[in-house]
Every structure is written in C-alpha cells, then in structure tokens.
Amino acid sequence: MANYTAADVKALRDKTGAGMMDVKNALVEAEGDTAKAEEILRLKGLKVAAKRGDRTASNGLVLSHIGDADAGQFGLIVEVNAETDFVAKNEKFIAFAEGILEAAVNAGAKTNEEVLAAKHEDGTVADAINNFTGIIGEKLGVGAVEYIEGENVEAYMHKTSTDLPPQVAVLVATDAAGAEIAHDVAVHIAALAPQYLTADDIPEEVMENERRIATELTISEGKPEKAVPKIVEGRLQGFFKQVTLMDQGYARDPKQSVRQVVDAAGAKITDFKRVRVGQEG
C-alpha cells in the first residue's frame, strides 16, 4: 500500500513542478516523507544537470529591471535559457526566471558571474539552476547579462511570437531631455540591432578590418588609384549606417537618421544594450 496520498503528490508537484512519476518515485523512495522526497528530486536535478552539460540551451527568455542609481537610474537585462521553446513558455520556468532576476537585482549583479553567485533561496542562483534542471528535465542557464546607468533609462521588451515570453530586450540610457524619445529609440534598436552607439565606439581592429576590405574591394573593381581613398571613406560611411545607432536611418522615418531625431529633441543618448535570446553579444 502506498505510504503517501494523492494530496501529497499534488502538493509536491505544485511545489517543485516535477513530473507525476518523478514525484511518486521520490515519495516511494522517501517512504512518504515529503521533505525527503523534495530533497531526492533536488539531488536528481544535480545528476541531470551533469548529464546535460554538453547540451545547448539556446531558447528561453529575457527579463529587465529599472532601478535608482547614483547617476539617476540603472537598467539590468538577464537572459535565462532552456533547450526548447516549450519550456520557455512554461509558467513555472517563467516564475523561476523572475526569481533569478530578483536575486540579481538584490545582489547588485552586473555580470553573468555575479548573477550566478547571487544569493537565492536554494543557495545561489547556480545552485537553483542545478536543482531546477532536474525538475524541468532540460539544460538551463543564465545567458547574457547587461547593465547600464544613466540620467534616464528606458527598457523595451519585444515578443517575436505571441505565445512566447519576450525574446528581445533593450536598454537605452539618455539625459533627462531624452526621456520623451527613449521608448521609440528602444523600439528602433530592437528592430535594427545596431552594434555601437557612434563610429567612435567601433573597436580599432574592427575599423582596420573594414577599411582593408573596402580598400581591396575598390582596387579589385579597377577604380583609379587617386579615387580609392574617397571611395573607401564613402564605403565606411555606409558601414556606419549599418552598425552604429546614431547613423542608422530612424525606423519610424528612415529619411532621418537617429542622430537627427535625437538632436531635434535636444536630447542625448549615452548608452544602450540589446539582448536577443540565443545570440551572444
């Protein structure tokens, strides 16, 4: 005769999110002791996490938080990953991810490492991920973590599918005058994915490589030697319009650049971050 009741199974399933058979087997092994059964499920999670170490967790969701900082406000993005979009839209996974964000904010975390080390009811966030891996049955993890500060910080969360949680998160830092346009700029960033704020922010090695490619391409086209430098500079300007926020055509009015829109508002964009689930950087 079973030494547990249907109510015990339901209570443990509601608490852990584990599957029916996993809960029943844990209760049998624990001889009906629900606390011990929960511990068995958690230990199983550690074993599952180890077995799934070579799996890829490229689905999931992004979350954001805006708070007060010395400079005015701060913004934090945390990406929490799973293997499938089926898990990504699971209510228990979403609640679990929200708990990770809360732990990160409470710890003042700004990097992936700091998020994983943040205090959590299961020990640390890293411990919680190991435990929940066994419950969910997929490899889980914390992906990109981005942090910015500014006089004003705006967050925009974008859903790529109505049945999934947000897959793209954007933070934009502006001065006070930029508060009115910050949301629209954040939507632009979500759509056009700029890599840098201005051309001055492009790493030197990236610039050198782009200039080399533009030069080789221009020469291969048989352009006059004297015209090469000017053509190369023109091609670099085209590159800037692709990768720098301020030089991109504004999504709502491509005839204007983002710089023109910002200047017209008498505003200043000081920083931005963009994270899409499953994409590094």
Protein backbone atom coordinates (compact mmCIF):
# COMPACT_ATOMS: atom_id res chain seq x y z
CA MET A 1 0.00 0.00 0.00
CA ALA A 2 1.32 3.43 -0.90
CA ASN A 3 2.63 5.41 2.06
CA TYR A 4 1.52 8.70 0.54
CA THR A 5 -1.74 10.20 -0.64
CA ALA A 6 -2.87 11.84 -3.86
CA ALA A 7 -2.82 15.13 -1.95
CA ASP A 8 0.87 14.56 -1.15
CA VAL A 9 1.61 14.02 -4.83
CA LYS A 10 -0.30 17.12 -5.86
CA ALA A 11 1.33 19.27 -3.17
CA LEU A 12 4.85 18.16 -4.15
CA ARG A 13 4.13 18.61 -7.85
CA ASP A 14 2.78 22.12 -7.22
CA LYS A 15 5.83 23.00 -5.13
CA THR A 16 8.51 21.59 -7.43
CA GLY A 17 6.93 21.40 -10.87
CA ALA A 18 8.30 17.85 -11.25
CA GLY A 19 6.53 15.21 -13.33
CA MET A 20 3.93 12.87 -11.83
CA MET A 21 6.07 9.73 -11.97
CA ASP A 22 9.16 11.54 -10.65
CA VAL A 23 7.16 12.76 -7.65
CA LYS A 24 5.64 9.33 -6.99
CA ASN A 25 9.01 7.60 -7.23
CA ALA A 26 10.57 10.16 -4.89
CA LEU A 27 7.78 9.66 -2.35
CA VAL A 28 8.18 5.90 -2.54
CA GLU A 29 11.94 6.20 -2.01
CA ALA A 30 11.37 8.64 0.86
CA GLU A 31 8.71 6.34 2.40
CA GLY A 32 6.14 9.13 2.26
CA ASP A 33 8.34 11.82 3.82
CA THR A 34 7.58 14.82 1.60
CA ALA A 35 10.59 16.85 2.79
CA LYS A 36 12.91 13.95 1.99
CA ALA A 37 11.16 13.39 -1.34
CA GLU A 38 11.76 17.03 -2.27
CA GLU A 39 15.45 16.58 -1.41
CA ILE A 40 15.59 13.47 -3.63
CA LEU A 41 14.14 15.48 -6.50
CA ARG A 42 16.73 18.22 -5.94
CA LEU A 43 19.57 15.70 -5.89
CA LYS A 44 18.21 14.22 -9.08
CA GLY A 45 18.42 17.70 -10.54
CA LEU A 46 22.16 17.82 -9.88
CA LYS A 47 22.61 14.49 -11.68
CA VAL A 48 20.50 15.60 -14.65
CA ALA A 49 22.44 18.86 -14.87
CA ALA A 50 25.72 16.94 -15.06
CA LYS A 51 24.40 14.61 -17.77
CA ARG A 52 23.15 17.53 -19.85
CA GLY A 53 26.34 19.56 -19.62
CA ASP A 54 27.10 19.17 -23.33
CA ARG A 55 23.59 20.13 -24.45
CA THR A 56 22.76 23.55 -25.89
CA ALA A 57 20.31 25.86 -24.12
CA SER A 58 19.54 28.34 -26.89
CA ASN A 59 15.90 29.10 -26.13
CA GLY A 60 14.46 30.88 -23.12
CA LEU A 61 13.51 34.45 -22.31
CA VAL A 62 14.86 37.85 -21.34
CA LEU A 63 13.88 39.98 -18.37
CA SER A 64 14.72 43.55 -17.41
CA HIS A 65 14.67 45.79 -14.37
CA ILE A 66 14.99 49.56 -13.94
CA GLY A 67 16.08 50.99 -10.59
CA ASP A 68 17.60 54.04 -8.94
CA ALA A 69 21.35 54.65 -9.16
CA ASP A 70 23.81 57.39 -8.25
CA ALA A 71 23.80 58.60 -11.85
CA GLY A 72 19.99 58.61 -11.93
CA GLN A 73 18.83 55.15 -12.95
CA PHE A 74 20.25 51.76 -13.82
CA GLY A 75 18.96 49.08 -16.13
CA LEU A 76 19.63 45.34 -15.97
CA ILE A 77 18.90 42.63 -18.54
CA VAL A 78 19.16 38.95 -17.65
CA GLU A 79 18.75 36.16 -20.21
CA VAL A 80 17.62 32.81 -18.80
CA ASN A 81 17.98 29.85 -21.15
CA ALA A 82 16.38 26.47 -21.72
CA GLU A 83 16.72 23.93 -24.51
CA THR A 84 13.26 24.31 -26.05
CA ASP A 85 10.64 27.00 -26.53
CA PHE A 86 8.16 24.56 -24.97
CA VAL A 87 9.90 25.08 -21.64
CA ALA A 88 10.48 28.79 -22.33
CA LYS A 89 6.73 29.43 -22.17
CA ASN A 90 6.15 27.16 -19.17
CA GLU A 91 4.71 29.20 -16.30
CA LYS A 92 6.99 27.60 -13.73
CA PHE A 93 10.06 28.36 -15.85
CA ILE A 94 8.95 31.97 -16.25
CA ALA A 95 8.45 32.27 -12.49
CA PHE A 96 11.85 30.66 -11.94
CA ALA A 97 13.47 33.18 -14.30
CA GLU A 98 11.77 36.04 -12.49
CA GLY A 99 13.27 34.72 -9.25
CA ILE A 100 16.72 34.83 -10.84
CA LEU A 101 16.19 38.45 -11.89
CA GLU A 102 15.07 39.34 -8.37
CA ALA A 103 18.15 37.66 -6.89
CA ALA A 104 20.38 39.51 -9.36
CA VAL A 105 18.85 42.89 -8.51
CA ASN A 106 19.09 42.25 -4.76
CA ALA A 107 22.76 41.33 -5.16
CA GLY A 108 23.56 44.34 -7.33
CA ALA A 109 24.80 41.94 -10.01
CA LYS A 110 26.14 43.39 -13.26
CA THR A 111 27.73 40.35 -14.94
CA ASN A 112 26.89 36.74 -15.70
CA GLU A 113 29.27 35.54 -12.99
CA GLU A 114 27.73 37.87 -10.40
CA VAL A 115 24.22 36.69 -11.27
CA LEU A 116 25.19 33.03 -10.86
CA ALA A 117 26.78 33.82 -7.49
CA ALA A 118 23.79 35.86 -6.27
CA LYS A 119 22.04 34.67 -3.12
CA HIS A 120 18.96 32.57 -3.83
CA GLU A 121 16.58 30.59 -1.62
CA ASP A 122 18.28 27.44 -2.97
CA GLY A 123 21.75 28.75 -2.03
CA THR A 124 22.97 30.62 -5.08
CA VAL A 125 21.42 31.15 -8.49
CA ALA A 126 23.83 28.50 -9.80
CA ASP A 127 22.51 26.05 -7.20
CA ALA A 128 18.94 26.90 -8.11
CA ILE A 129 19.63 26.23 -11.79
CA ASN A 130 21.08 22.81 -10.99
CA ASN A 131 18.09 21.97 -8.82
CA PHE A 132 15.50 23.16 -11.32
CA THR A 133 17.22 21.33 -14.18
CA GLY A 134 16.12 18.03 -12.68
CA ILE A 135 12.58 19.26 -12.27
CA ILE A 136 12.23 20.66 -15.79
CA GLY A 137 14.32 17.97 -17.48
CA GLU A 138 16.29 20.32 -19.73
CA LYS A 139 19.63 22.06 -19.53
CA LEU A 140 19.10 25.56 -18.09
CA GLY A 141 21.42 28.50 -17.67
CA VAL A 142 21.97 32.22 -17.42
CA GLY A 143 23.00 33.74 -20.75
CA ALA A 144 23.73 37.37 -21.49
CA VAL A 145 23.68 39.89 -18.65
CA GLU A 146 23.80 43.60 -19.48
CA TYR A 147 23.91 46.60 -17.15
CA ILE A 148 23.86 50.34 -17.85
CA GLU A 149 23.43 53.56 -15.91
CA GLY A 150 22.24 56.98 -17.00
CA GLU A 151 20.24 60.02 -16.04
CA ASN A 152 17.21 58.27 -17.54
CA VAL A 153 16.98 54.58 -18.51
CA GLU A 154 14.25 53.05 -20.64
CA ALA A 155 13.58 49.33 -21.13
CA TYR A 156 11.73 47.76 -24.04
CA MET A 157 10.80 44.09 -24.20
CA HIS A 158 9.85 42.58 -27.56
CA LYS A 159 7.98 39.35 -28.26
CA THR A 160 8.89 37.65 -31.52
CA SER A 161 5.90 35.34 -31.10
CA THR A 162 2.65 35.92 -29.23
CA ASP A 163 2.86 32.57 -27.46
CA LEU A 164 6.39 33.10 -26.14
CA PRO A 165 7.77 35.40 -23.43
CA PRO A 166 9.98 38.32 -24.57
CA GLN A 167 12.88 37.25 -26.77
CA VAL A 168 14.50 40.67 -27.26
CA ALA A 169 15.35 43.16 -24.51
CA VAL A 170 16.68 46.68 -24.99
CA LEU A 171 18.00 49.25 -22.52
CA VAL A 172 18.57 52.87 -23.54
CA ALA A 173 20.26 55.48 -21.33
CA THR A 174 19.56 59.15 -22.06
CA ASP A 175 19.80 62.53 -20.44
CA ALA A 176 16.61 64.00 -18.91
CA ALA A 177 15.60 65.57 -22.23
CA GLY A 178 15.80 62.18 -23.90
CA ALA A 179 13.08 60.62 -21.75
CA GLU A 180 10.36 61.50 -24.29
CA ILE A 181 12.06 59.76 -27.21
CA ALA A 182 13.75 56.93 -25.29
CA HIS A 183 10.95 54.42 -25.88
CA ASP A 184 10.86 54.98 -29.64
CA VAL A 185 14.65 54.74 -29.83
CA ALA A 186 14.50 51.48 -27.85
CA VAL A 187 11.96 50.07 -30.32
CA HIS A 188 14.29 51.12 -33.16
CA ILE A 189 17.19 49.28 -31.51
CA ALA A 190 15.10 46.13 -31.08
CA ALA A 191 14.26 46.17 -34.79
CA LEU A 192 17.54 47.26 -36.41
CA ALA A 193 20.07 45.78 -33.94
CA PRO A 194 22.87 48.40 -34.03
CA GLN A 195 26.17 47.20 -32.62
CA TYR A 196 27.68 50.53 -31.50
CA LEU A 197 26.44 53.92 -30.36
CA THR A 198 28.66 56.00 -32.69
CA ALA A 199 31.58 55.41 -35.05
CA ASP A 200 33.93 56.43 -32.23
CA ASP A 201 32.80 53.35 -30.30
CA ILE A 202 33.82 50.89 -33.01
CA PRO A 203 36.96 48.99 -31.89
CA GLU A 204 40.11 49.90 -33.79
CA GLU A 205 40.63 46.36 -35.06
CA VAL A 206 37.09 46.30 -36.50
CA MET A 207 37.68 49.62 -38.24
CA GLU A 208 41.01 48.48 -39.65
CA ASN A 209 39.49 45.27 -40.98
CA GLU A 210 36.54 47.10 -42.56
CA ARG A 211 38.88 49.66 -44.13
CA ARG A 212 41.07 46.84 -45.51
CA ILE A 213 38.08 45.08 -47.04
CA ALA A 214 36.75 48.33 -48.56
CA THR A 215 40.18 49.13 -50.00
CA GLU A 216 40.71 45.68 -51.51
CA LEU A 217 37.21 45.71 -52.98
CA THR A 218 37.68 49.16 -54.50
CA ILE A 219 41.03 48.23 -56.04
CA SER A 220 39.63 44.95 -57.41
CA GLU A 221 36.95 46.97 -59.17
CA GLY A 222 39.66 48.79 -61.10
CA LYS A 223 38.93 52.24 -59.69
CA PRO A 224 41.53 54.98 -60.37
CA GLU A 225 44.24 54.99 -57.71
CA LYS A 226 43.61 58.61 -56.80
CA ALA A 227 39.91 57.91 -56.25
CA VAL A 228 40.43 54.92 -53.94
CA PRO A 229 40.69 56.83 -50.61
CA LYS A 230 37.49 58.80 -51.27
CA ILE A 231 35.57 55.70 -52.34
CA VAL A 232 36.82 53.81 -49.28
CA GLU A 233 35.64 56.62 -46.99
CA GLY A 234 32.25 56.53 -48.67
CA ARG A 235 32.01 52.81 -48.08
CA LEU A 236 32.96 53.27 -44.45
CA GLN A 237 30.13 55.78 -44.07
CA GLY A 238 27.80 53.12 -45.44
CA PHE A 239 29.19 50.69 -42.87
CA PHE A 240 28.50 53.19 -40.08
CA LYS A 241 24.88 53.47 -41.22
CA GLN A 242 24.54 49.74 -40.78
CA VAL A 243 26.19 49.22 -37.39
CA THR A 244 26.02 52.49 -35.40
CA LEU A 245 22.81 53.61 -33.74
CA MET A 246 23.27 57.33 -34.33
CA ASP A 247 23.96 56.88 -38.07
CA GLN A 248 21.16 54.43 -38.81
CA GLY A 249 18.04 55.58 -40.60
CA TYR A 250 15.35 56.05 -37.96
CA ALA A 251 12.90 53.13 -38.03
CA ARG A 252 9.83 55.37 -37.85
CA ASP A 253 11.15 57.76 -40.51
CA PRO A 254 14.11 56.33 -42.50
CA LYS A 255 14.64 59.69 -44.23
CA GLN A 256 16.09 60.90 -40.94
CA SER A 257 18.98 59.43 -39.01
CA VAL A 258 18.64 58.61 -35.34
CA ARG A 259 21.13 61.43 -34.70
CA GLN A 260 18.84 63.93 -36.41
CA VAL A 261 15.85 62.78 -34.37
CA VAL A 262 17.81 62.95 -31.12
CA ASP A 263 19.25 66.38 -31.94
CA ALA A 264 15.80 67.71 -32.85
CA ALA A 265 14.57 66.66 -29.41
CA GLY A 266 17.52 68.44 -27.77
CA ALA A 267 18.42 65.10 -26.25
CA LYS A 268 21.44 62.85 -25.80
CA ILE A 269 21.73 59.06 -25.95
CA THR A 270 24.55 57.96 -23.65
CA ASP A 271 24.41 54.16 -23.88
CA PHE A 272 22.32 51.20 -24.97
CA LYS A 273 22.25 47.42 -24.69
CA ARG A 274 20.39 44.85 -26.73
CA VAL A 275 19.98 41.14 -25.99
CA ARG A 276 18.23 38.55 -28.14
CA VAL A 277 17.72 35.06 -26.75
CA GLY A 278 20.27 32.60 -28.06
CA GLN A 279 22.61 35.23 -29.52
CA GLU A 280 25.89 36.09 -27.84
CA GLY A 281 26.84 39.74 -27.65
